Amino acid sequence: MQRIAGREHVRYSGHRNRYGVDARTLRRQALRGEMTKLRCGAFVDTAVWESLDPQQRMRLEAAAVHDSGRVRFIASHASAAALWEVPRIGAPDGLVHTLTSAADGTRTENGLRKHAVADLDLHRVLVHGIPCTSIERTVLDLAMTEPFVDAVVALDWALREHTSEDALHRALEELDPMRGRAKAERVLAFGDGRSGSVGESYSRALMAEHGFPVPVLQQRFDDHRGLIGFVDFFWPDFSLIGEFDGLVKYSDLSMLRGRTPADALVDEKIREDRLRSTGNRCIRWIWATLRQRGALAAQLRAAGLPSSAAIRA
């Protein structure tokens, strides 16, 4: 995992700290726009803050709350996901999420969302030196609280990178949540580590929400010349191949492997022609398709895939 960007630039009010800056000075700098206030009396250089993407900002806010020492902090939910670098689809909610005792109760105050649990130590680990829920607990918490699409993206990624279905099911039994268990079980049943990217997971979840037939993932295709490749989605009953094209393959040097973007485009066209020669039709979509409401569903219906009643997110 990458270091938490900007952490070394955070300053804390309330006392003259190791950086020799007192609270009054920090507040004046914030009023002038030189510093940006985070949480729990923490401030960061505004230029640094503006250079960070949303996930980096969430990591920095979680680190600031922990490093301030003002509250007992165990990162959970979206904040734990940020520390684990779990890919997310939805926009941040602007809160820092932490676990708290059942006696304290679930509540939101001063930008902190406190989630009451019976056992604060269950599935607790350190990430960047910060107490944090384990990857299993983190994705299960997301599955119980986030929309279906977001939860699937997180779960597929975790299955690819960090954990297994068995470990997740064991964690669910150990946590034994009173609320959200059915939702978590539905996400667990749908999750698939074979989904090769965030865009593919996002696509699968949208397909499910619109009630399309379940595709085969990573289907191998060969022709008389040998291996053509593995496709993202395949519906054998409809002789249809679906590919999510993240476009990164035309710009990422590691994926270009010495080719120019034009060479990569030609290679992709040849690959698609070979796939069509197997008697299947091919359709493609990109990020813009996923972000436009209903666009992927319309494209799949136009390709001849039926859809039934959508599942509930």
C-alpha atoms as a PDB file:
ATOM      1  CA  MET A   1       0.000   0.000   0.000  1.00  0.00           C
ATOM      2  CA  GLN A   2       1.161   3.499  -0.767  1.00  0.00           C
ATOM      3  CA  ARG A   3       1.972   5.895   2.053  1.00  0.00           C
ATOM      4  CA  ILE A   4      -0.745   8.336   3.095  1.00  0.00           C
ATOM      5  CA  ALA A   5      -0.062  11.370   0.931  1.00  0.00           C
ATOM      6  CA  GLY A   6       0.069  14.661   2.824  1.00  0.00           C
ATOM      7  CA  ARG A   7       0.288  13.127   6.291  1.00  0.00           C
ATOM      8  CA  GLU A   8       3.572  14.894   7.018  1.00  0.00           C
ATOM      9  CA  HIS A   9       1.946  18.252   6.235  1.00  0.00           C
ATOM     10  CA  VAL A  10      -0.818  17.988   8.866  1.00  0.00           C
ATOM     11  CA  ARG A  11      -0.654  20.311  11.888  1.00  0.00           C
ATOM     12  CA  TYR A  12      -2.745  20.075  15.070  1.00  0.00           C
ATOM     13  CA  SER A  13      -4.342  22.872  17.101  1.00  0.00           C
ATOM     14  CA  GLY A  14      -5.078  23.026  20.794  1.00  0.00           C
ATOM     15  CA  HIS A  15      -1.463  23.293  21.940  1.00  0.00           C
ATOM     16  CA  ARG A  16       1.920  24.411  20.728  1.00  0.00           C
ATOM     17  CA  ASN A  17       2.891  21.284  18.840  1.00  0.00           C
ATOM     18  CA  ARG A  18       6.158  19.779  17.656  1.00  0.00           C
ATOM     19  CA  TYR A  19       6.027  21.987  14.556  1.00  0.00           C
ATOM     20  CA  GLY A  20       6.030  25.156  16.661  1.00  0.00           C
ATOM     21  CA  VAL A  21       2.648  26.410  15.389  1.00  0.00           C
ATOM     22  CA  ASP A  22      -0.065  27.336  17.895  1.00  0.00           C
ATOM     23  CA  ALA A  23      -3.832  27.037  17.455  1.00  0.00           C
ATOM     24  CA  ARG A  24      -4.384  30.755  16.855  1.00  0.00           C
ATOM     25  CA  THR A  25      -1.834  30.806  14.036  1.00  0.00           C
ATOM     26  CA  LEU A  26      -3.427  27.770  12.400  1.00  0.00           C
ATOM     27  CA  ARG A  27      -6.868  29.346  12.533  1.00  0.00           C
ATOM     28  CA  ARG A  28      -5.557  32.578  10.982  1.00  0.00           C
ATOM     29  CA  GLN A  29      -3.867  30.596   8.211  1.00  0.00           C
ATOM     30  CA  ALA A  30      -7.132  28.758   7.585  1.00  0.00           C
ATOM     31  CA  LEU A  31      -9.027  32.055   7.311  1.00  0.00           C
ATOM     32  CA  ARG A  32      -6.487  33.237   4.734  1.00  0.00           C
ATOM     33  CA  GLY A  33      -6.918  29.999   2.777  1.00  0.00           C
ATOM     34  CA  GLU A  34      -3.355  28.848   3.424  1.00  0.00           C
ATOM     35  CA  MET A  35      -4.488  25.880   5.525  1.00  0.00           C
ATOM     36  CA  THR A  36      -7.544  23.629   5.253  1.00  0.00           C
ATOM     37  CA  LYS A  37      -9.237  22.316   8.390  1.00  0.00           C
ATOM     38  CA  LEU A  38      -9.750  18.561   8.504  1.00  0.00           C
ATOM     39  CA  ARG A  39     -11.108  16.920  11.660  1.00  0.00           C
ATOM     40  CA  CYS A  40     -10.361  17.034  15.396  1.00  0.00           C
ATOM     41  CA  GLY A  41      -8.351  20.250  15.230  1.00  0.00           C
ATOM     42  CA  ALA A  42      -6.183  19.075  12.349  1.00  0.00           C
ATOM     43  CA  PHE A  43      -5.118  21.371   9.519  1.00  0.00           C
ATOM     44  CA  VAL A  44      -3.215  20.708   6.285  1.00  0.00           C
ATOM     45  CA  ASP A  45      -1.589  22.966   3.721  1.00  0.00           C
ATOM     46  CA  THR A  46      -4.322  23.927   1.252  1.00  0.00           C
ATOM     47  CA  ALA A  47      -2.016  23.373  -1.720  1.00  0.00           C
ATOM     48  CA  VAL A  48      -1.434  19.806  -0.544  1.00  0.00           C
ATOM     49  CA  TRP A  49      -5.156  19.212   0.050  1.00  0.00           C
ATOM     50  CA  GLU A  50      -6.090  20.461  -3.402  1.00  0.00           C
ATOM     51  CA  SER A  51      -3.553  18.110  -4.995  1.00  0.00           C
ATOM     52  CA  LEU A  52      -5.243  15.004  -3.538  1.00  0.00           C
ATOM     53  CA  ASP A  53      -7.967  12.912  -5.147  1.00  0.00           C
ATOM     54  CA  PRO A  54     -11.099  11.955  -3.142  1.00  0.00           C
ATOM     55  CA  GLN A  55      -9.678   8.641  -1.888  1.00  0.00           C
ATOM     56  CA  GLN A  56      -6.407  10.263  -0.841  1.00  0.00           C
ATOM     57  CA  ARG A  57      -8.352  12.920   1.044  1.00  0.00           C
ATOM     58  CA  MET A  58     -10.317  10.244   2.893  1.00  0.00           C
ATOM     59  CA  ARG A  59      -7.081   8.497   3.892  1.00  0.00           C
ATOM     60  CA  LEU A  60      -5.588  11.752   5.109  1.00  0.00           C
ATOM     61  CA  GLU A  61      -8.686  12.647   7.144  1.00  0.00           C
ATOM     62  CA  ALA A  62      -8.634   9.217   8.807  1.00  0.00           C
ATOM     63  CA  ALA A  63      -4.941   9.591   9.604  1.00  0.00           C
ATOM     64  CA  ALA A  64      -5.512  13.097  11.010  1.00  0.00           C
ATOM     65  CA  VAL A  65      -8.236  11.895  13.383  1.00  0.00           C
ATOM     66  CA  HIS A  66      -6.007   9.075  14.592  1.00  0.00           C
ATOM     67  CA  ASP A  67      -2.861  11.184  14.888  1.00  0.00           C
ATOM     68  CA  SER A  68      -4.649  13.959  16.787  1.00  0.00           C
ATOM     69  CA  GLY A  69      -5.093  11.592  19.727  1.00  0.00           C
ATOM     70  CA  ARG A  70      -8.322  13.316  20.689  1.00  0.00           C
ATOM     71  CA  VAL A  71     -10.579  10.288  20.221  1.00  0.00           C
ATOM     72  CA  ARG A  72     -10.156   6.539  20.314  1.00  0.00           C
ATOM     73  CA  PHE A  73     -10.137   5.780  16.629  1.00  0.00           C
ATOM     74  CA  ILE A  74     -10.751   2.518  14.770  1.00  0.00           C
ATOM     75  CA  ALA A  75     -11.290   3.247  11.079  1.00  0.00           C
ATOM     76  CA  SER A  76     -14.300   1.461   9.643  1.00  0.00           C
ATOM     77  CA  HIS A  77     -16.664   1.442   6.666  1.00  0.00           C
ATOM     78  CA  ALA A  78     -15.688   4.052   4.044  1.00  0.00           C
ATOM     79  CA  SER A  79     -12.657   5.244   6.036  1.00  0.00           C
ATOM     80  CA  ALA A  80     -11.305   1.719   6.395  1.00  0.00           C
ATOM     81  CA  ALA A  81     -11.957   1.161   2.697  1.00  0.00           C
ATOM     82  CA  ALA A  82      -9.889   4.246   1.904  1.00  0.00           C
ATOM     83  CA  LEU A  83      -6.993   3.013   4.043  1.00  0.00           C
ATOM     84  CA  TRP A  84      -7.135  -0.394   2.348  1.00  0.00           C
ATOM     85  CA  GLU A  85      -7.340   1.413  -1.030  1.00  0.00           C
ATOM     86  CA  VAL A  86     -10.586  -0.346  -1.906  1.00  0.00           C
ATOM     87  CA  PRO A  87     -11.873   1.027  -5.246  1.00  0.00           C
ATOM     88  CA  ARG A  88     -15.126   2.933  -4.870  1.00  0.00           C
ATOM     89  CA  ILE A  89     -17.831   4.101  -7.287  1.00  0.00           C
ATOM     90  CA  GLY A  90     -19.963   6.441  -5.208  1.00  0.00           C
ATOM     91  CA  ALA A  91     -18.898   9.889  -4.033  1.00  0.00           C
ATOM     92  CA  PRO A  92     -17.507  10.245  -0.472  1.00  0.00           C
ATOM     93  CA  ASP A  93     -20.069  11.176   2.186  1.00  0.00           C
ATOM     94  CA  GLY A  94     -17.784  13.745   3.814  1.00  0.00           C
ATOM     95  CA  LEU A  95     -17.563  11.839   7.097  1.00  0.00           C
ATOM     96  CA  VAL A  96     -14.809   9.948   8.888  1.00  0.00           C
ATOM     97  CA  HIS A  97     -16.096   6.544  10.009  1.00  0.00           C
ATOM     98  CA  THR A  98     -15.036   4.853  13.228  1.00  0.00           C
ATOM     99  CA  LEU A  99     -16.187   2.090  15.551  1.00  0.00           C
ATOM    100  CA  THR A 100     -17.413   2.905  19.031  1.00  0.00           C
ATOM    101  CA  SER A 101     -18.742   0.884  21.944  1.00  0.00           C
ATOM    102  CA  ALA A 102     -22.336  -0.239  22.206  1.00  0.00           C
ATOM    103  CA  ALA A 103     -22.662   1.927  25.312  1.00  0.00           C
ATOM    104  CA  ASP A 104     -21.739   5.055  23.332  1.00  0.00           C
ATOM    105  CA  GLY A 105     -24.259   4.279  20.605  1.00  0.00           C
ATOM    106  CA  THR A 106     -24.270   4.983  16.876  1.00  0.00           C
ATOM    107  CA  ARG A 107     -24.283   8.683  16.097  1.00  0.00           C
ATOM    108  CA  THR A 108     -22.705  11.422  13.996  1.00  0.00           C
ATOM    109  CA  GLU A 109     -20.919  14.375  15.564  1.00  0.00           C
ATOM    110  CA  ASN A 110     -18.195  16.782  14.480  1.00  0.00           C
ATOM    111  CA  GLY A 111     -17.815  15.064  11.129  1.00  0.00           C
ATOM    112  CA  LEU A 112     -17.342  11.641  12.706  1.00  0.00           C
ATOM    113  CA  ARG A 113     -19.755   8.797  12.033  1.00  0.00           C
ATOM    114  CA  LYS A 114     -19.531   6.482  15.026  1.00  0.00           C
ATOM    115  CA  HIS A 115     -20.749   2.913  14.501  1.00  0.00           C
ATOM    116  CA  ALA A 116     -21.621   1.125  17.754  1.00  0.00           C
ATOM    117  CA  VAL A 117     -20.459  -2.504  17.957  1.00  0.00           C
ATOM    118  CA  ALA A 118     -20.376  -5.122  20.691  1.00  0.00           C
ATOM    119  CA  ASP A 119     -16.668  -5.975  20.300  1.00  0.00           C
ATOM    120  CA  LEU A 120     -14.211  -3.266  19.257  1.00  0.00           C
ATOM    121  CA  ASP A 121     -11.329  -5.729  18.932  1.00  0.00           C
ATOM    122  CA  LEU A 122     -12.999  -8.252  16.630  1.00  0.00           C
ATOM    123  CA  HIS A 123     -11.365  -8.162  13.180  1.00  0.00           C
ATOM    124  CA  ARG A 124      -9.205  -5.177  14.094  1.00  0.00           C
ATOM    125  CA  VAL A 125      -5.805  -4.738  12.422  1.00  0.00           C
ATOM    126  CA  LEU A 126      -3.277  -1.949  11.809  1.00  0.00           C
ATOM    127  CA  VAL A 127      -3.068  -0.244   8.408  1.00  0.00           C
ATOM    128  CA  HIS A 128      -0.422   2.488   8.096  1.00  0.00           C
ATOM    129  CA  GLY A 129      -0.160   2.224  11.894  1.00  0.00           C
ATOM    130  CA  ILE A 130      -3.844   3.137  12.261  1.00  0.00           C
ATOM    131  CA  PRO A 131      -6.324   0.773  13.993  1.00  0.00           C
ATOM    132  CA  CYS A 132      -8.670  -0.360  11.257  1.00  0.00           C
ATOM    133  CA  THR A 133     -11.190  -3.079  10.503  1.00  0.00           C
ATOM    134  CA  SER A 134      -9.790  -6.089   8.628  1.00  0.00           C
ATOM    135  CA  ILE A 135     -10.321  -6.291   4.889  1.00  0.00           C
ATOM    136  CA  GLU A 136     -13.020  -8.924   5.485  1.00  0.00           C
ATOM    137  CA  ARG A 137     -14.908  -6.803   8.001  1.00  0.00           C
ATOM    138  CA  THR A 138     -14.464  -3.708   5.849  1.00  0.00           C
ATOM    139  CA  VAL A 139     -16.043  -5.189   2.718  1.00  0.00           C
ATOM    140  CA  LEU A 140     -18.795  -6.807   4.793  1.00  0.00           C
ATOM    141  CA  ASP A 141     -19.590  -3.452   6.420  1.00  0.00           C
ATOM    142  CA  LEU A 142     -19.763  -1.915   2.942  1.00  0.00           C
ATOM    143  CA  ALA A 143     -22.000  -4.756   1.771  1.00  0.00           C
ATOM    144  CA  MET A 144     -24.406  -4.047   4.643  1.00  0.00           C
ATOM    145  CA  THR A 145     -24.512  -0.268   4.230  1.00  0.00           C
ATOM    146  CA  GLU A 146     -23.614   0.737   0.657  1.00  0.00           C
ATOM    147  CA  PRO A 147     -25.628   0.454  -2.570  1.00  0.00           C
ATOM    148  CA  PHE A 148     -25.382  -2.914  -4.311  1.00  0.00           C
ATOM    149  CA  VAL A 149     -23.134  -1.639  -7.121  1.00  0.00           C
ATOM    150  CA  ASP A 150     -20.588  -0.118  -4.724  1.00  0.00           C
ATOM    151  CA  ALA A 151     -20.601  -3.220  -2.531  1.00  0.00           C
ATOM    152  CA  VAL A 152     -19.978  -5.548  -5.483  1.00  0.00           C
ATOM    153  CA  VAL A 153     -17.057  -3.456  -6.754  1.00  0.00           C
ATOM    154  CA  ALA A 154     -15.450  -3.602  -3.298  1.00  0.00           C
ATOM    155  CA  LEU A 155     -16.081  -7.321  -2.821  1.00  0.00           C
ATOM    156  CA  ASP A 156     -14.810  -8.390  -6.252  1.00  0.00           C
ATOM    157  CA  TRP A 157     -11.634  -6.382  -5.686  1.00  0.00           C
ATOM    158  CA  ALA A 158     -11.083  -7.925  -2.244  1.00  0.00           C
ATOM    159  CA  LEU A 159     -11.535 -11.425  -3.655  1.00  0.00           C
ATOM    160  CA  ARG A 160      -8.978 -10.683  -6.376  1.00  0.00           C
ATOM    161  CA  GLU A 161      -6.419  -9.022  -4.152  1.00  0.00           C
ATOM    162  CA  HIS A 162      -6.736  -9.963  -0.474  1.00  0.00           C
ATOM    163  CA  THR A 163      -9.122 -12.645   0.713  1.00  0.00           C
ATOM    164  CA  SER A 164     -11.371 -15.597  -0.106  1.00  0.00           C
ATOM    165  CA  GLU A 165     -15.053 -16.455  -0.017  1.00  0.00           C
ATOM    166  CA  ASP A 166     -14.454 -18.817   2.900  1.00  0.00           C
ATOM    167  CA  ALA A 167     -12.716 -16.105   4.929  1.00  0.00           C
ATOM    168  CA  LEU A 168     -15.547 -13.682   4.259  1.00  0.00           C
ATOM    169  CA  HIS A 169     -18.209 -16.183   5.276  1.00  0.00           C
ATOM    170  CA  ARG A 170     -16.290 -16.992   8.465  1.00  0.00           C
ATOM    171  CA  ALA A 171     -16.010 -13.296   9.255  1.00  0.00           C
ATOM    172  CA  LEU A 172     -19.743 -12.826   8.736  1.00  0.00           C
ATOM    173  CA  GLU A 173     -20.461 -15.643  11.171  1.00  0.00           C
ATOM    174  CA  GLU A 174     -18.046 -14.185  13.719  1.00  0.00           C
ATOM    175  CA  LEU A 175     -19.490 -10.688  13.413  1.00  0.00           C
ATOM    176  CA  ASP A 176     -23.068 -12.014  13.476  1.00  0.00           C
ATOM    177  CA  PRO A 177     -24.607  -8.632  12.621  1.00  0.00           C
ATOM    178  CA  MET A 178     -28.129  -7.856  13.807  1.00  0.00           C
ATOM    179  CA  ARG A 179     -28.852  -5.607  10.813  1.00  0.00           C
ATOM    180  CA  GLY A 180     -27.887  -5.900   7.165  1.00  0.00           C
ATOM    181  CA  ARG A 181     -27.002  -9.589   7.187  1.00  0.00           C
ATOM    182  CA  ALA A 182     -29.355 -10.520   4.347  1.00  0.00           C
ATOM    183  CA  LYS A 183     -27.924  -7.732   2.221  1.00  0.00           C
ATOM    184  CA  ALA A 184     -24.374  -8.882   2.940  1.00  0.00           C
ATOM    185  CA  GLU A 185     -25.260 -12.466   2.066  1.00  0.00           C
ATOM    186  CA  ARG A 186     -26.720 -11.355  -1.268  1.00  0.00           C
ATOM    187  CA  VAL A 187     -23.556  -9.439  -2.131  1.00  0.00           C
ATOM    188  CA  LEU A 188     -21.394 -12.395  -1.051  1.00  0.00           C
ATOM    189  CA  ALA A 189     -23.391 -14.745  -3.251  1.00  0.00           C
ATOM    190  CA  PHE A 190     -22.887 -12.422  -6.222  1.00  0.00           C
ATOM    191  CA  GLY A 191     -19.217 -11.502  -5.723  1.00  0.00           C
ATOM    192  CA  ASP A 192     -16.673 -13.034  -8.096  1.00  0.00           C
ATOM    193  CA  GLY A 193     -12.908 -12.592  -7.959  1.00  0.00           C
ATOM    194  CA  ARG A 194     -12.646 -13.487 -11.646  1.00  0.00           C
ATOM    195  CA  SER A 195     -14.019 -10.063 -12.489  1.00  0.00           C
ATOM    196  CA  GLY A 196     -10.881  -8.502 -13.873  1.00  0.00           C
ATOM    197  CA  SER A 197     -11.327  -4.797 -13.125  1.00  0.00           C
ATOM    198  CA  VAL A 198     -13.443  -2.207 -11.372  1.00  0.00           C
ATOM    199  CA  GLY A 199     -15.247  -1.482 -14.641  1.00  0.00           C
ATOM    200  CA  GLU A 200     -16.095  -5.154 -15.126  1.00  0.00           C
ATOM    201  CA  SER A 201     -17.460  -5.426 -11.575  1.00  0.00           C
ATOM    202  CA  TYR A 202     -19.466  -2.240 -12.069  1.00  0.00           C
ATOM    203  CA  SER A 203     -20.848  -3.675 -15.321  1.00  0.00           C
ATOM    204  CA  ARG A 204     -21.831  -6.971 -13.689  1.00  0.00           C
ATOM    205  CA  ALA A 205     -23.669  -5.228 -10.878  1.00  0.00           C
ATOM    206  CA  LEU A 206     -25.602  -3.032 -13.323  1.00  0.00           C
ATOM    207  CA  MET A 207     -26.513  -6.111 -15.366  1.00  0.00           C
ATOM    208  CA  ALA A 208     -27.872  -7.767 -12.234  1.00  0.00           C
ATOM    209  CA  GLU A 209     -29.822  -4.683 -11.203  1.00  0.00           C
ATOM    210  CA  HIS A 210     -31.572  -4.716 -14.592  1.00  0.00           C
ATOM    211  CA  GLY A 211     -32.214  -8.464 -14.499  1.00  0.00           C
ATOM    212  CA  PHE A 212     -30.071  -9.555 -17.443  1.00  0.00           C
ATOM    213  CA  PRO A 213     -28.922 -13.187 -17.825  1.00  0.00           C
ATOM    214  CA  VAL A 214     -25.817 -14.001 -15.813  1.00  0.00           C
ATOM    215  CA  PRO A 215     -22.762 -14.000 -18.105  1.00  0.00           C
ATOM    216  CA  VAL A 216     -19.838 -16.412 -18.108  1.00  0.00           C
ATOM    217  CA  LEU A 217     -16.716 -14.566 -16.983  1.00  0.00           C
ATOM    218  CA  GLN A 218     -13.271 -14.838 -18.563  1.00  0.00           C
ATOM    219  CA  GLN A 219     -14.361 -17.340 -21.223  1.00  0.00           C
ATOM    220  CA  ARG A 220     -11.458 -18.634 -23.361  1.00  0.00           C
ATOM    221  CA  PHE A 221     -11.738 -18.519 -27.141  1.00  0.00           C
ATOM    222  CA  ASP A 222      -9.514 -20.251 -29.725  1.00  0.00           C
ATOM    223  CA  ASP A 223      -9.455 -20.487 -33.490  1.00  0.00           C
ATOM    224  CA  HIS A 224      -7.290 -22.282 -36.059  1.00  0.00           C
ATOM    225  CA  ARG A 225      -4.392 -19.968 -35.145  1.00  0.00           C
ATOM    226  CA  GLY A 226      -4.594 -20.829 -31.452  1.00  0.00           C
ATOM    227  CA  LEU A 227      -5.582 -18.731 -28.456  1.00  0.00           C
ATOM    228  CA  ILE A 228      -7.569 -15.611 -29.269  1.00  0.00           C
ATOM    229  CA  GLY A 229      -7.972 -14.535 -25.661  1.00  0.00           C
ATOM    230  CA  PHE A 230     -10.252 -14.451 -22.637  1.00  0.00           C
ATOM    231  CA  VAL A 231     -13.315 -12.234 -22.873  1.00  0.00           C
ATOM    232  CA  ASP A 232     -14.896 -10.247 -20.055  1.00  0.00           C
ATOM    233  CA  PHE A 233     -18.463 -11.507 -20.543  1.00  0.00           C
ATOM    234  CA  PHE A 234     -20.031 -14.264 -22.629  1.00  0.00           C
ATOM    235  CA  TRP A 235     -23.660 -15.273 -23.047  1.00  0.00           C
ATOM    236  CA  PRO A 236     -23.498 -18.643 -24.884  1.00  0.00           C
ATOM    237  CA  ASP A 237     -27.291 -18.902 -25.281  1.00  0.00           C
ATOM    238  CA  PHE A 238     -27.238 -15.639 -27.216  1.00  0.00           C
ATOM    239  CA  SER A 239     -23.884 -16.071 -28.997  1.00  0.00           C
ATOM    240  CA  LEU A 240     -22.883 -12.722 -27.529  1.00  0.00           C
ATOM    241  CA  ILE A 241     -19.529 -11.502 -26.222  1.00  0.00           C
ATOM    242  CA  GLY A 242     -19.340  -8.350 -24.102  1.00  0.00           C
ATOM    243  CA  GLU A 243     -16.172  -6.402 -23.402  1.00  0.00           C
ATOM    244  CA  PHE A 244     -15.637  -3.479 -21.056  1.00  0.00           C
ATOM    245  CA  ASP A 245     -13.012  -1.227 -22.606  1.00  0.00           C
ATOM    246  CA  GLY A 246     -11.369   0.925 -19.974  1.00  0.00           C
ATOM    247  CA  LEU A 247      -9.231   2.623 -22.662  1.00  0.00           C
ATOM    248  CA  VAL A 248      -6.199   2.354 -20.362  1.00  0.00           C
ATOM    249  CA  LYS A 249      -4.832  -0.359 -22.631  1.00  0.00           C
ATOM    250  CA  TYR A 250      -4.161   2.353 -25.202  1.00  0.00           C
ATOM    251  CA  SER A 251      -2.195   4.608 -22.840  1.00  0.00           C
ATOM    252  CA  ASP A 252      -0.627   2.506 -20.066  1.00  0.00           C
ATOM    253  CA  LEU A 253       2.996   1.788 -21.015  1.00  0.00           C
ATOM    254  CA  SER A 254       2.976  -1.547 -19.163  1.00  0.00           C
ATOM    255  CA  MET A 255      -0.020  -2.689 -21.222  1.00  0.00           C
ATOM    256  CA  LEU A 256       1.285  -1.270 -24.495  1.00  0.00           C
ATOM    257  CA  ARG A 257       4.492  -3.331 -24.108  1.00  0.00           C
ATOM    258  CA  GLY A 258       6.451  -1.246 -26.565  1.00  0.00           C
ATOM    259  CA  ARG A 259       3.577  -0.675 -29.005  1.00  0.00           C
ATOM    260  CA  THR A 260       2.103   2.652 -29.974  1.00  0.00           C
ATOM    261  CA  PRO A 261      -1.551   3.376 -29.104  1.00  0.00           C
ATOM    262  CA  ALA A 262      -2.328   2.978 -32.825  1.00  0.00           C
ATOM    263  CA  ASP A 263      -0.671  -0.468 -32.816  1.00  0.00           C
ATOM    264  CA  ALA A 264      -2.733  -1.479 -29.783  1.00  0.00           C
ATOM    265  CA  LEU A 265      -5.921  -0.343 -31.498  1.00  0.00           C
ATOM    266  CA  VAL A 266      -5.102  -2.416 -34.595  1.00  0.00           C
ATOM    267  CA  ASP A 267      -4.313  -5.465 -32.450  1.00  0.00           C
ATOM    268  CA  GLU A 268      -7.630  -5.077 -30.649  1.00  0.00           C
ATOM    269  CA  LYS A 269      -9.479  -4.877 -33.984  1.00  0.00           C
ATOM    270  CA  ILE A 270      -7.769  -8.062 -35.194  1.00  0.00           C
ATOM    271  CA  ARG A 271      -8.663  -9.813 -31.909  1.00  0.00           C
ATOM    272  CA  GLU A 272     -12.305  -8.788 -32.269  1.00  0.00           C
ATOM    273  CA  ASP A 273     -12.427  -9.993 -35.886  1.00  0.00           C
ATOM    274  CA  ARG A 274     -11.098 -13.356 -34.751  1.00  0.00           C
ATOM    275  CA  LEU A 275     -13.721 -13.518 -32.005  1.00  0.00           C
ATOM    276  CA  ARG A 276     -16.470 -12.786 -34.517  1.00  0.00           C
ATOM    277  CA  SER A 277     -15.144 -15.592 -36.720  1.00  0.00           C
ATOM    278  CA  THR A 278     -16.139 -18.050 -33.958  1.00  0.00           C
ATOM    279  CA  GLY A 279     -19.770 -17.298 -34.776  1.00  0.00           C
ATOM    280  CA  ASN A 280     -20.372 -14.880 -31.917  1.00  0.00           C
ATOM    281  CA  ARG A 281     -21.347 -11.234 -31.936  1.00  0.00           C
ATOM    282  CA  CYS A 282     -19.270  -8.690 -29.994  1.00  0.00           C
ATOM    283  CA  ILE A 283     -20.300  -5.519 -28.198  1.00  0.00           C
ATOM    284  CA  ARG A 284     -18.166  -3.047 -26.250  1.00  0.00           C
ATOM    285  CA  TRP A 285     -18.772  -0.290 -23.776  1.00  0.00           C
ATOM    286  CA  ILE A 286     -16.654   2.242 -21.889  1.00  0.00           C
ATOM    287  CA  TRP A 287     -16.748   4.185 -18.606  1.00  0.00           C
ATOM    288  CA  ALA A 288     -19.003   6.830 -20.088  1.00  0.00           C
ATOM    289  CA  THR A 289     -21.574   4.105 -20.794  1.00  0.00           C
ATOM    290  CA  LEU A 290     -21.584   2.996 -17.163  1.00  0.00           C
ATOM    291  CA  ARG A 291     -21.895   6.529 -15.834  1.00  0.00           C
ATOM    292  CA  GLN A 292     -24.894   7.396 -18.016  1.00  0.00           C
ATOM    293  CA  ARG A 293     -28.009   6.086 -16.333  1.00  0.00           C
ATOM    294  CA  GLY A 294     -29.580   3.228 -18.304  1.00  0.00           C
ATOM    295  CA  ALA A 295     -27.026   3.359 -21.144  1.00  0.00           C
ATOM    296  CA  LEU A 296     -25.543  -0.115 -20.568  1.00  0.00           C
ATOM    297  CA  ALA A 297     -28.995  -1.677 -20.199  1.00  0.00           C
ATOM    298  CA  ALA A 298     -30.102  -0.079 -23.469  1.00  0.00           C
ATOM    299  CA  GLN A 299     -27.016  -1.379 -25.260  1.00  0.00           C
ATOM    300  CA  LEU A 300     -27.503  -4.915 -23.946  1.00  0.00           C
ATOM    301  CA  ARG A 301     -31.182  -4.947 -24.924  1.00  0.00           C
ATOM    302  CA  ALA A 302     -30.287  -3.676 -28.391  1.00  0.00           C
ATOM    303  CA  ALA A 303     -27.889  -6.625 -28.668  1.00  0.00           C
ATOM    304  CA  GLY A 304     -30.762  -9.032 -27.966  1.00  0.00           C
ATOM    305  CA  LEU A 305     -30.360  -9.774 -24.253  1.00  0.00           C
ATOM    306  CA  PRO A 306     -33.647 -10.006 -22.352  1.00  0.00           C
ATOM    307  CA  SER A 307     -34.035  -8.369 -18.943  1.00  0.00           C
ATOM    308  CA  SER A 308     -36.420  -9.233 -16.148  1.00  0.00           C
ATOM    309  CA  ALA A 309     -37.380  -7.569 -12.885  1.00  0.00           C
ATOM    310  CA  ALA A 310     -34.397  -5.817 -11.302  1.00  0.00           C
ATOM    311  CA  ILE A 311     -33.033  -6.940  -7.956  1.00  0.00           C
ATOM    312  CA  ARG A 312     -33.236  -4.458  -5.137  1.00  0.00           C
ATOM    313  CA  ALA A 313     -30.057  -2.625  -4.238  1.00  0.00           C
END
